[in-house]
């Protein structure tokens, strides 16, 4: 799902994740999870877009 969210193939996503180009996941048992907020911040940083966290969700503050 994270690959689709970033509009890249699963292979490209895995390759860039292993090279640490993409954000690292959180492990939940055998599953690897990426938060949407984490991916949004990554994309914003890549394009030099100021990140507006005005939605009030402070639970992801540690993902900067």
N, C-alpha and C. Protein backbone atom coordinates (compact mmCIF):
# COMPACT_ATOMS: atom_id res chain seq x y z
N UNK A 1 0.82 -1.19 0.00
CA UNK A 1 0.00 0.00 0.00
C UNK A 1 0.86 1.25 0.00
N UNK A 2 1.99 1.21 0.70
CA UNK A 2 2.87 2.38 0.73
C UNK A 2 3.44 2.67 -0.66
N UNK A 3 3.78 1.63 -1.40
CA UNK A 3 4.28 1.81 -2.77
C UNK A 3 3.22 2.47 -3.64
N UNK A 4 2.01 1.98 -3.54
CA UNK A 4 0.91 2.56 -4.32
C UNK A 4 0.67 4.01 -3.92
N UNK A 5 0.76 4.30 -2.63
CA UNK A 5 0.55 5.67 -2.14
C UNK A 5 1.58 6.63 -2.74
N UNK A 6 2.82 6.14 -2.93
CA UNK A 6 3.87 6.97 -3.52
C UNK A 6 3.92 6.84 -5.04
N UNK A 7 3.03 6.04 -5.60
CA UNK A 7 2.94 5.84 -7.05
C UNK A 7 4.21 5.25 -7.65
N UNK A 8 4.78 4.27 -6.95
CA UNK A 8 5.93 3.54 -7.47
C UNK A 8 5.62 2.04 -7.39
N UNK A 9 6.39 1.25 -8.12
CA UNK A 9 6.18 -0.20 -8.08
C UNK A 9 6.65 -0.76 -6.74
N UNK A 10 6.18 -1.94 -6.41
CA UNK A 10 6.62 -2.59 -5.17
C UNK A 10 8.12 -2.83 -5.18
N UNK A 11 8.66 -3.20 -6.35
CA UNK A 11 10.10 -3.44 -6.47
C UNK A 11 10.89 -2.17 -6.22
N UNK A 12 10.46 -1.07 -6.82
CA UNK A 12 11.13 0.21 -6.61
C UNK A 12 11.05 0.62 -5.15
N UNK A 13 9.87 0.47 -4.55
CA UNK A 13 9.70 0.84 -3.15
C UNK A 13 10.64 0.03 -2.27
N UNK A 14 10.67 -1.30 -2.47
CA UNK A 14 11.54 -2.17 -1.66
C UNK A 14 13.01 -1.78 -1.83
N UNK A 15 13.42 -1.52 -3.06
CA UNK A 15 14.81 -1.17 -3.33
C UNK A 15 15.18 0.13 -2.61
N UNK A 16 14.34 1.14 -2.73
CA UNK A 16 14.63 2.42 -2.10
C UNK A 16 14.53 2.35 -0.58
N UNK A 17 13.65 1.48 -0.08
CA UNK A 17 13.55 1.29 1.37
C UNK A 17 14.82 0.63 1.89
N UNK A 18 15.29 -0.40 1.19
CA UNK A 18 16.52 -1.10 1.62
C UNK A 18 17.74 -0.18 1.54
N UNK A 19 17.76 0.74 0.58
CA UNK A 19 18.87 1.68 0.46
C UNK A 19 18.70 2.86 1.42
N UNK A 20 17.61 2.84 2.21
CA UNK A 20 17.29 3.88 3.19
C UNK A 20 17.00 5.23 2.55
N UNK A 21 16.55 5.21 1.30
CA UNK A 21 16.11 6.42 0.63
C UNK A 21 14.72 6.80 1.11
N UNK A 22 13.91 5.77 1.38
CA UNK A 22 12.55 5.98 1.86
C UNK A 22 12.50 5.82 3.37
N UNK A 23 11.47 6.36 4.01
CA UNK A 23 11.34 6.22 5.47
C UNK A 23 11.32 4.75 5.89
N UNK A 24 11.80 4.52 7.08
CA UNK A 24 11.83 3.16 7.61
C UNK A 24 10.49 2.83 8.27
N UNK A 25 10.09 1.56 8.19
CA UNK A 25 8.79 1.16 8.72
C UNK A 25 8.82 0.89 10.22
N UNK A 26 7.64 0.65 10.73
CA UNK A 26 7.46 0.16 12.10
C UNK A 26 7.03 -1.29 11.95
N UNK A 27 7.64 -2.17 12.70
CA UNK A 27 7.32 -3.60 12.62
C UNK A 27 6.18 -3.94 13.56
N UNK A 28 5.21 -4.67 13.04
CA UNK A 28 4.08 -5.17 13.83
C UNK A 28 4.03 -6.67 13.59
N UNK A 29 4.76 -7.41 14.42
CA UNK A 29 4.89 -8.84 14.18
C UNK A 29 5.70 -9.04 12.90
N UNK A 30 5.12 -9.72 11.93
CA UNK A 30 5.79 -9.95 10.65
C UNK A 30 5.49 -8.84 9.65
N UNK A 31 4.55 -7.97 9.98
CA UNK A 31 4.15 -6.90 9.05
C UNK A 31 5.04 -5.68 9.22
N UNK A 32 5.27 -4.99 8.12
CA UNK A 32 5.96 -3.71 8.13
C UNK A 32 4.94 -2.64 7.79
N UNK A 33 4.91 -1.58 8.60
CA UNK A 33 3.90 -0.54 8.43
C UNK A 33 4.55 0.82 8.26
N UNK A 34 4.00 1.60 7.34
CA UNK A 34 4.40 2.99 7.13
C UNK A 34 3.17 3.85 7.39
N UNK A 35 3.32 4.91 8.15
CA UNK A 35 2.19 5.81 8.39
C UNK A 35 2.04 6.75 7.21
N UNK A 36 0.83 7.13 6.90
CA UNK A 36 0.55 8.08 5.83
C UNK A 36 1.22 9.41 6.13
N UNK A 37 1.20 9.83 7.37
CA UNK A 37 1.82 11.09 7.77
C UNK A 37 3.32 11.04 7.51
N UNK A 38 3.94 9.94 7.84
CA UNK A 38 5.37 9.75 7.61
C UNK A 38 5.69 9.86 6.12
N UNK A 39 4.89 9.24 5.28
CA UNK A 39 5.11 9.29 3.83
C UNK A 39 4.85 10.69 3.29
N UNK A 40 3.81 11.36 3.81
CA UNK A 40 3.53 12.74 3.38
C UNK A 40 4.70 13.66 3.71
N UNK A 41 5.26 13.51 4.89
CA UNK A 41 6.40 14.35 5.29
C UNK A 41 7.61 14.07 4.41
N UNK A 42 7.82 12.82 4.05
CA UNK A 42 8.92 12.45 3.17
C UNK A 42 8.75 13.14 1.81
N UNK A 43 7.56 13.06 1.23
CA UNK A 43 7.30 13.68 -0.07
C UNK A 43 7.47 15.19 0.02
N UNK A 44 6.95 15.80 1.07
CA UNK A 44 7.09 17.24 1.26
C UNK A 44 8.56 17.64 1.30
N UNK A 45 9.36 16.88 2.02
CA UNK A 45 10.78 17.18 2.13
C UNK A 45 11.47 17.03 0.78
N UNK A 46 11.10 16.04 0.00
CA UNK A 46 11.71 15.82 -1.31
C UNK A 46 11.45 16.98 -2.26
N UNK A 47 10.28 17.59 -2.15
CA UNK A 47 9.91 18.69 -3.02
C UNK A 47 10.15 20.05 -2.39
N UNK A 48 10.68 20.07 -1.17
CA UNK A 48 10.96 21.34 -0.50
C UNK A 48 9.70 22.09 -0.11
N UNK A 49 8.65 21.36 0.18
CA UNK A 49 7.37 21.96 0.55
C UNK A 49 7.31 22.06 2.07
N UNK A 50 6.95 23.23 2.57
CA UNK A 50 6.79 23.40 4.02
C UNK A 50 5.66 22.48 4.47
N UNK A 51 5.89 21.78 5.55
CA UNK A 51 4.91 20.83 6.06
C UNK A 51 3.96 21.54 7.01
N UNK A 52 2.68 21.56 6.69
CA UNK A 52 1.66 22.19 7.52
C UNK A 52 0.94 21.12 8.31
N UNK A 53 1.25 21.04 9.61
CA UNK A 53 0.61 20.05 10.48
C UNK A 53 -0.56 20.66 11.22
N UNK A 54 -1.34 21.48 10.53
CA UNK A 54 -2.43 22.20 11.18
C UNK A 54 -3.65 21.33 11.45
N UNK A 55 -3.59 20.04 11.11
CA UNK A 55 -4.74 19.17 11.36
C UNK A 55 -4.86 18.79 12.82
N UNK A 56 -3.88 19.20 13.65
CA UNK A 56 -3.95 18.96 15.09
C UNK A 56 -3.51 17.58 15.51
N UNK A 57 -3.05 16.74 14.60
CA UNK A 57 -2.62 15.39 14.95
C UNK A 57 -1.18 15.43 15.43
N UNK A 58 -1.00 15.46 16.72
CA UNK A 58 0.34 15.52 17.30
C UNK A 58 0.90 14.14 17.59
N UNK A 59 0.18 13.08 17.30
CA UNK A 59 0.63 11.73 17.62
C UNK A 59 1.81 11.29 16.74
N UNK A 60 2.04 11.98 15.62
CA UNK A 60 3.11 11.60 14.70
C UNK A 60 4.30 12.54 14.80
N UNK A 61 4.34 13.39 15.81
CA UNK A 61 5.41 14.38 15.95
C UNK A 61 6.80 13.74 15.99
N UNK A 62 6.90 12.52 16.47
CA UNK A 62 8.20 11.87 16.57
C UNK A 62 8.68 11.30 15.24
N UNK A 63 7.93 11.44 14.17
CA UNK A 63 8.33 10.89 12.88
C UNK A 63 9.08 11.89 12.03
N UNK A 64 9.41 13.05 12.55
CA UNK A 64 10.10 14.09 11.77
C UNK A 64 11.43 13.62 11.26
